Structures are given as structure tokens and as C-alpha cells.
C-alpha atoms as a PDB file:
ATOM      1  CA  MET A   1      66.579  88.878  53.803  1.00  0.00           C
ATOM      2  CA  TYR A   2      70.111  89.375  55.122  1.00  0.00           C
ATOM      3  CA  CYS A   3      71.156  89.767  58.765  1.00  0.00           C
ATOM      4  CA  ARG A   4      74.244  91.195  60.412  1.00  0.00           C
ATOM      5  CA  VAL A   5      74.969  90.838  64.140  1.00  0.00           C
ATOM      6  CA  VAL A   6      77.707  92.996  65.644  1.00  0.00           C
ATOM      7  CA  ILE A   7      78.916  92.350  69.180  1.00  0.00           C
ATOM      8  CA  VAL A   8      80.628  95.340  70.812  1.00  0.00           C
ATOM      9  CA  LYS A   9      82.567  95.059  74.053  1.00  0.00           C
ATOM     10  CA  ALA A  10      83.751  98.406  75.431  1.00  0.00           C
ATOM     11  CA  LEU A  11      86.553  99.016  77.915  1.00  0.00           C
ATOM     12  CA  SER A  12      84.334 101.030  80.274  1.00  0.00           C
ATOM     13  CA  GLU A  13      80.716 101.902  81.034  1.00  0.00           C
ATOM     14  CA  LEU A  14      81.346 105.490  79.891  1.00  0.00           C
ATOM     15  CA  GLN A  15      82.671 104.329  76.534  1.00  0.00           C
ATOM     16  CA  MET A  16      79.636 102.050  76.103  1.00  0.00           C
ATOM     17  CA  LYS A  17      77.278 104.939  76.862  1.00  0.00           C
ATOM     18  CA  MET A  18      78.988 106.983  74.143  1.00  0.00           C
ATOM     19  CA  ILE A  19      78.733 104.106  71.652  1.00  0.00           C
ATOM     20  CA  ILE A  20      75.036 103.588  72.438  1.00  0.00           C
ATOM     21  CA  ALA A  21      74.361 107.326  72.018  1.00  0.00           C
ATOM     22  CA  TYR A  22      76.111 107.222  68.622  1.00  0.00           C
ATOM     23  CA  MET A  23      74.010 104.212  67.573  1.00  0.00           C
ATOM     24  CA  GLU A  24      70.749 105.813  68.668  1.00  0.00           C
ATOM     25  CA  LYS A  25      71.294 109.364  67.390  1.00  0.00           C
ATOM     26  CA  THR A  26      73.483 108.872  64.305  1.00  0.00           C
ATOM     27  CA  MET A  27      74.041 105.319  63.107  1.00  0.00           C
ATOM     28  CA  LEU A  28      70.541 103.799  63.160  1.00  0.00           C
ATOM     29  CA  PRO A  29      68.700 106.821  61.676  1.00  0.00           C
ATOM     30  CA  ARG A  30      71.267 107.067  58.856  1.00  0.00           C
ATOM     31  CA  ASN A  31      71.161 103.316  58.209  1.00  0.00           C
ATOM     32  CA  PHE A  32      67.351 103.262  58.011  1.00  0.00           C
ATOM     33  CA  ALA A  33      67.431 106.153  55.557  1.00  0.00           C
ATOM     34  CA  ALA A  34      69.890 104.115  53.446  1.00  0.00           C
ATOM     35  CA  GLY A  35      67.744 100.957  53.361  1.00  0.00           C
ATOM     36  CA  GLN A  36      68.198  98.959  56.572  1.00  0.00           C
ATOM     37  CA  THR A  37      64.840  97.311  57.349  1.00  0.00           C
ATOM     38  CA  SER A  38      65.195  96.734  61.109  1.00  0.00           C
ATOM     39  CA  GLY A  39      67.681  97.150  63.918  1.00  0.00           C
ATOM     40  CA  GLN A  40      67.739  96.224  67.566  1.00  0.00           C
ATOM     41  CA  VAL A  41      70.396  96.778  70.236  1.00  0.00           C
ATOM     42  CA  PHE A  42      70.532  94.276  73.106  1.00  0.00           C
ATOM     43  CA  SER A  43      72.453  94.650  76.368  1.00  0.00           C
ATOM     44  CA  VAL A  44      74.669  91.793  77.524  1.00  0.00           C
ATOM     45  CA  SER A  45      76.271  93.764  80.374  1.00  0.00           C
ATOM     46  CA  LYS A  46      77.164  97.362  81.232  1.00  0.00           C
ATOM     47  CA  THR A  47      80.082  97.165  78.805  1.00  0.00           C
ATOM     48  CA  GLU A  48      78.764  94.817  76.107  1.00  0.00           C
ATOM     49  CA  VAL A  49      75.923  94.987  73.562  1.00  0.00           C
ATOM     50  CA  PHE A  50      74.960  93.247  70.379  1.00  0.00           C
ATOM     51  CA  VAL A  51      73.222  94.845  67.427  1.00  0.00           C
ATOM     52  CA  VAL A  52      70.940  92.850  65.106  1.00  0.00           C
ATOM     53  CA  SER A  53      70.438  94.524  61.737  1.00  0.00           C
ATOM     54  CA  ARG A  54      68.258  93.255  58.891  1.00  0.00           C
ATOM     55  CA  PHE A  55      68.448  94.220  55.236  1.00  0.00           C
ATOM     56  CA  ASN A  56      66.705  93.197  52.034  1.00  0.00           C
ATOM     57  CA  ASP A  57      69.941  91.785  50.609  1.00  0.00           C
ATOM     58  CA  LYS A  58      73.716  91.578  51.086  1.00  0.00           C
ATOM     59  CA  ALA A  59      74.372  94.420  48.634  1.00  0.00           C
ATOM     60  CA  THR A  60      72.327  96.796  50.805  1.00  0.00           C
ATOM     61  CA  ALA A  61      74.057  95.546  53.961  1.00  0.00           C
ATOM     62  CA  ASP A  62      77.466  96.154  52.388  1.00  0.00           C
ATOM     63  CA  LYS A  63      76.447  99.619  51.155  1.00  0.00           C
ATOM     64  CA  ILE A  64      75.361 100.601  54.650  1.00  0.00           C
ATOM     65  CA  MET A  65      78.514  99.134  56.219  1.00  0.00           C
ATOM     66  CA  SER A  66      80.589 101.318  53.892  1.00  0.00           C
ATOM     67  CA  LEU A  67      78.764 104.419  55.202  1.00  0.00           C
ATOM     68  CA  MET A  68      80.090 103.662  58.691  1.00  0.00           C
ATOM     69  CA  LYS A  69      83.676 102.696  57.826  1.00  0.00           C
ATOM     70  CA  GLU A  70      85.426 105.578  59.589  1.00  0.00           C
ATOM     71  CA  GLU A  71      83.201 105.474  62.677  1.00  0.00           C
ATOM     72  CA  LEU A  72      83.626 101.709  62.991  1.00  0.00           C
ATOM     73  CA  ARG A  73      87.410 102.055  62.841  1.00  0.00           C
ATOM     74  CA  GLU A  74      87.275 104.579  65.659  1.00  0.00           C
ATOM     75  CA  ILE A  75      84.963 102.421  67.790  1.00  0.00           C
ATOM     76  CA  ALA A  76      87.109  99.335  67.141  1.00  0.00           C
ATOM     77  CA  GLN A  77      90.247 101.098  68.401  1.00  0.00           C
ATOM     78  CA  GLY A  78      88.886 101.332  71.928  1.00  0.00           C
ATOM     79  CA  SER A  79      86.720  98.225  72.032  1.00  0.00           C
ATOM     80  CA  LYS A  80      86.367  94.699  70.727  1.00  0.00           C
ATOM     81  CA  MET A  81      83.980  94.064  67.838  1.00  0.00           C
ATOM     82  CA  THR A  82      82.801  90.756  66.403  1.00  0.00           C
ATOM     83  CA  VAL A  83      80.658  90.515  63.268  1.00  0.00           C
ATOM     84  CA  LEU A  84      78.432  87.589  62.268  1.00  0.00           C
ATOM     85  CA  GLU A  85      76.335  87.783  59.121  1.00  0.00           C
ATOM     86  CA  GLY A  86      74.462  85.790  56.544  1.00  0.00           C
ATOM     87  CA  PRO A  87      71.238  85.265  54.613  1.00  0.00           C
ATOM     88  CA  LEU A  88      68.015  84.241  56.345  1.00  0.00           C
ATOM     89  CA  LEU A  89      67.392  80.486  56.184  1.00  0.00           C
ATOM     90  CA  ILE A  90      64.286  79.937  58.346  1.00  0.00           C
ATOM     91  CA  GLU A  91      61.722  82.360  59.739  1.00  0.00           C
ATOM     92  CA  VAL A  92      58.837  81.189  61.883  1.00  0.00           C
END
């Protein structure tokens, strides 16, 4: 199991609403079709969210990340993104 957490901080509430709509309608459905096993989006504030994505392995995670390259560049231009990732060590 491999996990990727992406923290997105938008410049405005409107921008965040657009990012969330993209995640819900485009990104997550496409990622699940490509092999992502789970995905959750959590709200930190009106302008900040974090996304927890799980995959069977790093190769699948990297394949799915490559599908979103252009969109991620566009989102990153108007917001701040931080990525944390790694293999699962303990699950209770």
C-alpha cells in the first residue's frame, strides 16, 4: 500500500471551490479508473484542503500523478501545494 497526501492552499474561496469541483468531477473519477484504491478530501479552512490518496504501489501512484501533470501545473500557479508520500508502515 502506498499513500500520497497533497495539501492545497488557494488564494480565495472561489478558487478553492473550482479546485474542489475539479477533484470531484474530473480528477477522482479518472484516478479511480486508473487504479487508485481510495481518496478522501478534507477541509482545513475555506481556502485549504488536503487530499489523501491510496494506491496498491508506488508505480501506480506515479502513473496516476503523470495523468494529472498539466492540471497540477495550472492549479499550482494560483495556489500553494505540498506533497507528502510514502509506503504504508502500520495499519490498525
